[in-house]
């Protein structure tokens, strides 16, 4: 444990390395341009995986946890997904139960995927979850 703490503290001595190597700080340091591009890429993948879905990219707000900064907002980008045949709560539940266990939030009857909390290598996994859902509804 002490070695892990020591390695993490060494990262704090080099802010550039910290934002590249530490997952939380990488998420916090992501620029709006990077987030928007990530959201557009994810939206395109979801549209391809589930053509019947209504998918949009929209500005969003991320919040820093519920601990010391629960009301601190960060500008972000999100992908909004709605299905005419499935309520947002049910779609969110199905995504949570998928083997990838995708957690979303619901706003205005849409499932919201805030891309600040995602890495680029996770985007194809999310698209595959939507593909699996589409295949289930086709069966």
C-alpha atoms as a PDB file:
ATOM      1  CA  UNK A   1       0.000   0.000   0.000  1.00  0.00           C
ATOM      2  CA  UNK A   2       2.761   2.422   0.922  1.00  0.00           C
ATOM      3  CA  UNK A   3       4.529   1.826  -2.379  1.00  0.00           C
ATOM      4  CA  UNK A   4       1.315   2.617  -4.318  1.00  0.00           C
ATOM      5  CA  UNK A   5       0.836   5.803  -2.317  1.00  0.00           C
ATOM      6  CA  UNK A   6       4.471   6.768  -2.867  1.00  0.00           C
ATOM      7  CA  UNK A   7       4.202   6.202  -6.647  1.00  0.00           C
ATOM      8  CA  UNK A   8       1.013   8.289  -6.784  1.00  0.00           C
ATOM      9  CA  UNK A   9       2.610  11.110  -4.784  1.00  0.00           C
ATOM     10  CA  UNK A  10       5.583  11.122  -7.181  1.00  0.00           C
ATOM     11  CA  UNK A  11       3.134  11.796 -10.005  1.00  0.00           C
ATOM     12  CA  UNK A  12       1.961  14.956  -8.222  1.00  0.00           C
ATOM     13  CA  UNK A  13       5.487  16.358  -8.522  1.00  0.00           C
ATOM     14  CA  UNK A  14       5.102  16.338 -12.311  1.00  0.00           C
ATOM     15  CA  UNK A  15       1.680  17.792 -13.304  1.00  0.00           C
ATOM     16  CA  UNK A  16       2.142  16.888 -16.990  1.00  0.00           C
ATOM     17  CA  UNK A  17       2.741  13.235 -16.147  1.00  0.00           C
ATOM     18  CA  UNK A  18      -0.037  13.312 -13.561  1.00  0.00           C
ATOM     19  CA  UNK A  19      -2.680  14.212 -16.154  1.00  0.00           C
ATOM     20  CA  UNK A  20      -1.399  11.479 -18.476  1.00  0.00           C
ATOM     21  CA  UNK A  21      -0.963   8.618 -15.994  1.00  0.00           C
ATOM     22  CA  UNK A  22      -3.552   9.130 -13.235  1.00  0.00           C
ATOM     23  CA  UNK A  23      -7.083   8.218 -14.442  1.00  0.00           C
ATOM     24  CA  UNK A  24      -8.950  10.822 -12.378  1.00  0.00           C
ATOM     25  CA  UNK A  25      -6.632  13.661 -13.313  1.00  0.00           C
ATOM     26  CA  UNK A  26      -6.700  12.565 -16.969  1.00  0.00           C
ATOM     27  CA  UNK A  27     -10.502  12.900 -16.855  1.00  0.00           C
ATOM     28  CA  UNK A  28     -10.318  16.266 -15.119  1.00  0.00           C
ATOM     29  CA  UNK A  29      -7.713  17.632 -17.537  1.00  0.00           C
ATOM     30  CA  UNK A  30      -9.526  16.608 -20.740  1.00  0.00           C
ATOM     31  CA  UNK A  31     -10.278  19.650 -22.898  1.00  0.00           C
ATOM     32  CA  UNK A  32     -13.735  20.423 -24.228  1.00  0.00           C
ATOM     33  CA  UNK A  33     -12.439  19.838 -27.773  1.00  0.00           C
ATOM     34  CA  UNK A  34     -11.248  16.326 -26.860  1.00  0.00           C
ATOM     35  CA  UNK A  35     -14.536  15.596 -25.092  1.00  0.00           C
ATOM     36  CA  UNK A  36     -16.628  16.835 -28.008  1.00  0.00           C
ATOM     37  CA  UNK A  37     -14.656  14.701 -30.478  1.00  0.00           C
ATOM     38  CA  UNK A  38     -15.035  11.690 -28.164  1.00  0.00           C
ATOM     39  CA  UNK A  39     -18.801  12.300 -27.930  1.00  0.00           C
ATOM     40  CA  UNK A  40     -19.125  12.581 -31.713  1.00  0.00           C
ATOM     41  CA  UNK A  41     -17.188   9.349 -32.171  1.00  0.00           C
ATOM     42  CA  UNK A  42     -19.331   7.518 -29.627  1.00  0.00           C
ATOM     43  CA  UNK A  43     -22.556   8.866 -31.133  1.00  0.00           C
ATOM     44  CA  UNK A  44     -21.507   7.689 -34.599  1.00  0.00           C
ATOM     45  CA  UNK A  45     -20.746   4.209 -33.224  1.00  0.00           C
ATOM     46  CA  UNK A  46     -24.074   3.999 -31.389  1.00  0.00           C
ATOM     47  CA  UNK A  47     -25.992   5.114 -34.484  1.00  0.00           C
ATOM     48  CA  UNK A  48     -24.263   2.385 -36.473  1.00  0.00           C
ATOM     49  CA  UNK A  49     -24.889  -0.248 -33.798  1.00  0.00           C
ATOM     50  CA  UNK A  50     -28.528   0.694 -33.204  1.00  0.00           C
ATOM     51  CA  UNK A  51     -29.974   2.597 -36.193  1.00  0.00           C
ATOM     52  CA  UNK A  52     -33.428   2.897 -34.600  1.00  0.00           C
ATOM     53  CA  UNK A  53     -32.005   4.936 -31.707  1.00  0.00           C
ATOM     54  CA  UNK A  54     -32.271   8.704 -31.592  1.00  0.00           C
ATOM     55  CA  UNK A  55     -28.705   9.785 -30.808  1.00  0.00           C
ATOM     56  CA  UNK A  56     -27.469  13.326 -30.223  1.00  0.00           C
ATOM     57  CA  UNK A  57     -24.306  15.008 -28.985  1.00  0.00           C
ATOM     58  CA  UNK A  58     -24.894  17.817 -26.516  1.00  0.00           C
ATOM     59  CA  UNK A  59     -22.963  20.007 -24.086  1.00  0.00           C
ATOM     60  CA  UNK A  60     -23.195  18.706 -20.552  1.00  0.00           C
ATOM     61  CA  UNK A  61     -21.973  19.291 -17.019  1.00  0.00           C
ATOM     62  CA  UNK A  62     -19.899  16.873 -14.981  1.00  0.00           C
ATOM     63  CA  UNK A  63     -19.736  17.076 -11.217  1.00  0.00           C
ATOM     64  CA  UNK A  64     -16.794  16.195  -9.020  1.00  0.00           C
ATOM     65  CA  UNK A  65     -18.050  13.414  -6.791  1.00  0.00           C
ATOM     66  CA  UNK A  66     -20.145  13.807  -3.726  1.00  0.00           C
ATOM     67  CA  UNK A  67     -17.268  14.338  -1.324  1.00  0.00           C
ATOM     68  CA  UNK A  68     -15.444  17.619  -0.917  1.00  0.00           C
ATOM     69  CA  UNK A  69     -16.642  19.284  -4.154  1.00  0.00           C
ATOM     70  CA  UNK A  70     -20.209  18.031  -4.805  1.00  0.00           C
ATOM     71  CA  UNK A  71     -21.378  21.257  -6.429  1.00  0.00           C
ATOM     72  CA  UNK A  72     -18.302  21.995  -8.555  1.00  0.00           C
ATOM     73  CA  UNK A  73     -19.279  21.814 -12.245  1.00  0.00           C
ATOM     74  CA  UNK A  74     -17.026  21.008 -15.160  1.00  0.00           C
ATOM     75  CA  UNK A  75     -18.087  21.673 -18.731  1.00  0.00           C
ATOM     76  CA  UNK A  76     -18.374  18.408 -20.620  1.00  0.00           C
ATOM     77  CA  UNK A  77     -19.990  16.716 -23.605  1.00  0.00           C
ATOM     78  CA  UNK A  78     -22.456  13.869 -23.587  1.00  0.00           C
ATOM     79  CA  UNK A  79     -24.225  11.484 -25.910  1.00  0.00           C
ATOM     80  CA  UNK A  80     -28.009  11.373 -25.496  1.00  0.00           C
ATOM     81  CA  UNK A  81     -29.793   8.189 -26.526  1.00  0.00           C
ATOM     82  CA  UNK A  82     -33.521   7.548 -26.765  1.00  0.00           C
ATOM     83  CA  UNK A  83     -35.491   4.619 -28.138  1.00  0.00           C
ATOM     84  CA  UNK A  84     -39.140   4.960 -29.095  1.00  0.00           C
ATOM     85  CA  UNK A  85     -39.756   1.338 -28.095  1.00  0.00           C
ATOM     86  CA  UNK A  86     -37.999   1.465 -24.701  1.00  0.00           C
ATOM     87  CA  UNK A  87     -38.293   3.845 -21.748  1.00  0.00           C
ATOM     88  CA  UNK A  88     -35.070   5.554 -20.699  1.00  0.00           C
ATOM     89  CA  UNK A  89     -35.082   3.802 -17.325  1.00  0.00           C
ATOM     90  CA  UNK A  90     -35.355   0.399 -18.966  1.00  0.00           C
ATOM     91  CA  UNK A  91     -32.607   1.212 -21.482  1.00  0.00           C
ATOM     92  CA  UNK A  92     -30.353   2.348 -18.622  1.00  0.00           C
ATOM     93  CA  UNK A  93     -31.124  -0.867 -16.741  1.00  0.00           C
ATOM     94  CA  UNK A  94     -30.307  -3.030 -19.770  1.00  0.00           C
ATOM     95  CA  UNK A  95     -27.005  -1.203 -20.239  1.00  0.00           C
ATOM     96  CA  UNK A  96     -26.117  -1.719 -16.555  1.00  0.00           C
ATOM     97  CA  UNK A  97     -26.883  -5.431 -16.893  1.00  0.00           C
ATOM     98  CA  UNK A  98     -24.794  -5.809 -20.054  1.00  0.00           C
ATOM     99  CA  UNK A  99     -21.466  -7.622 -19.662  1.00  0.00           C
ATOM    100  CA  UNK A 100     -19.775  -4.202 -19.951  1.00  0.00           C
ATOM    101  CA  UNK A 101     -21.925  -2.828 -17.068  1.00  0.00           C
ATOM    102  CA  UNK A 102     -22.453   0.644 -18.556  1.00  0.00           C
ATOM    103  CA  UNK A 103     -23.689   3.207 -16.058  1.00  0.00           C
ATOM    104  CA  UNK A 104     -25.574   6.219 -17.367  1.00  0.00           C
ATOM    105  CA  UNK A 105     -27.861   8.919 -16.081  1.00  0.00           C
ATOM    106  CA  UNK A 106     -31.329   9.844 -17.265  1.00  0.00           C
ATOM    107  CA  UNK A 107     -32.434  13.350 -18.193  1.00  0.00           C
ATOM    108  CA  UNK A 108     -35.559  14.347 -20.117  1.00  0.00           C
ATOM    109  CA  UNK A 109     -36.420  10.723 -20.928  1.00  0.00           C
ATOM    110  CA  UNK A 110     -32.995  10.146 -22.511  1.00  0.00           C
ATOM    111  CA  UNK A 111     -30.059   8.025 -21.448  1.00  0.00           C
ATOM    112  CA  UNK A 112     -27.007  10.242 -21.020  1.00  0.00           C
ATOM    113  CA  UNK A 113     -23.419   9.044 -21.456  1.00  0.00           C
ATOM    114  CA  UNK A 114     -21.006  11.696 -20.156  1.00  0.00           C
ATOM    115  CA  UNK A 115     -17.811  11.164 -22.114  1.00  0.00           C
ATOM    116  CA  UNK A 116     -15.612  12.861 -19.510  1.00  0.00           C
ATOM    117  CA  UNK A 117     -15.769   9.595 -17.576  1.00  0.00           C
ATOM    118  CA  UNK A 118     -14.793   7.458 -20.576  1.00  0.00           C
ATOM    119  CA  UNK A 119     -11.476   6.607 -22.210  1.00  0.00           C
ATOM    120  CA  UNK A 120     -11.271   6.324 -25.987  1.00  0.00           C
ATOM    121  CA  UNK A 121     -10.589   2.587 -25.729  1.00  0.00           C
ATOM    122  CA  UNK A 122     -13.958   2.111 -23.977  1.00  0.00           C
ATOM    123  CA  UNK A 123     -16.011   3.581 -26.851  1.00  0.00           C
ATOM    124  CA  UNK A 124     -16.043   0.397 -28.989  1.00  0.00           C
ATOM    125  CA  UNK A 125     -17.111  -1.617 -25.934  1.00  0.00           C
ATOM    126  CA  UNK A 126     -20.087   0.681 -25.421  1.00  0.00           C
ATOM    127  CA  UNK A 127     -21.018   0.429 -29.102  1.00  0.00           C
ATOM    128  CA  UNK A 128     -20.906  -3.367 -28.803  1.00  0.00           C
ATOM    129  CA  UNK A 129     -23.299  -3.194 -25.842  1.00  0.00           C
ATOM    130  CA  UNK A 130     -25.743  -1.256 -28.019  1.00  0.00           C
ATOM    131  CA  UNK A 131     -25.265  -3.858 -30.774  1.00  0.00           C
ATOM    132  CA  UNK A 132     -26.155  -6.616 -28.316  1.00  0.00           C
ATOM    133  CA  UNK A 133     -29.270  -4.701 -27.246  1.00  0.00           C
ATOM    134  CA  UNK A 134     -30.285  -4.194 -30.872  1.00  0.00           C
ATOM    135  CA  UNK A 135     -29.795  -7.905 -31.571  1.00  0.00           C
ATOM    136  CA  UNK A 136     -31.968  -8.792 -28.572  1.00  0.00           C
ATOM    137  CA  UNK A 137     -34.794  -6.553 -29.766  1.00  0.00           C
ATOM    138  CA  UNK A 138     -34.583  -8.029 -33.306  1.00  0.00           C
ATOM    139  CA  UNK A 139     -34.942 -11.594 -32.051  1.00  0.00           C
END
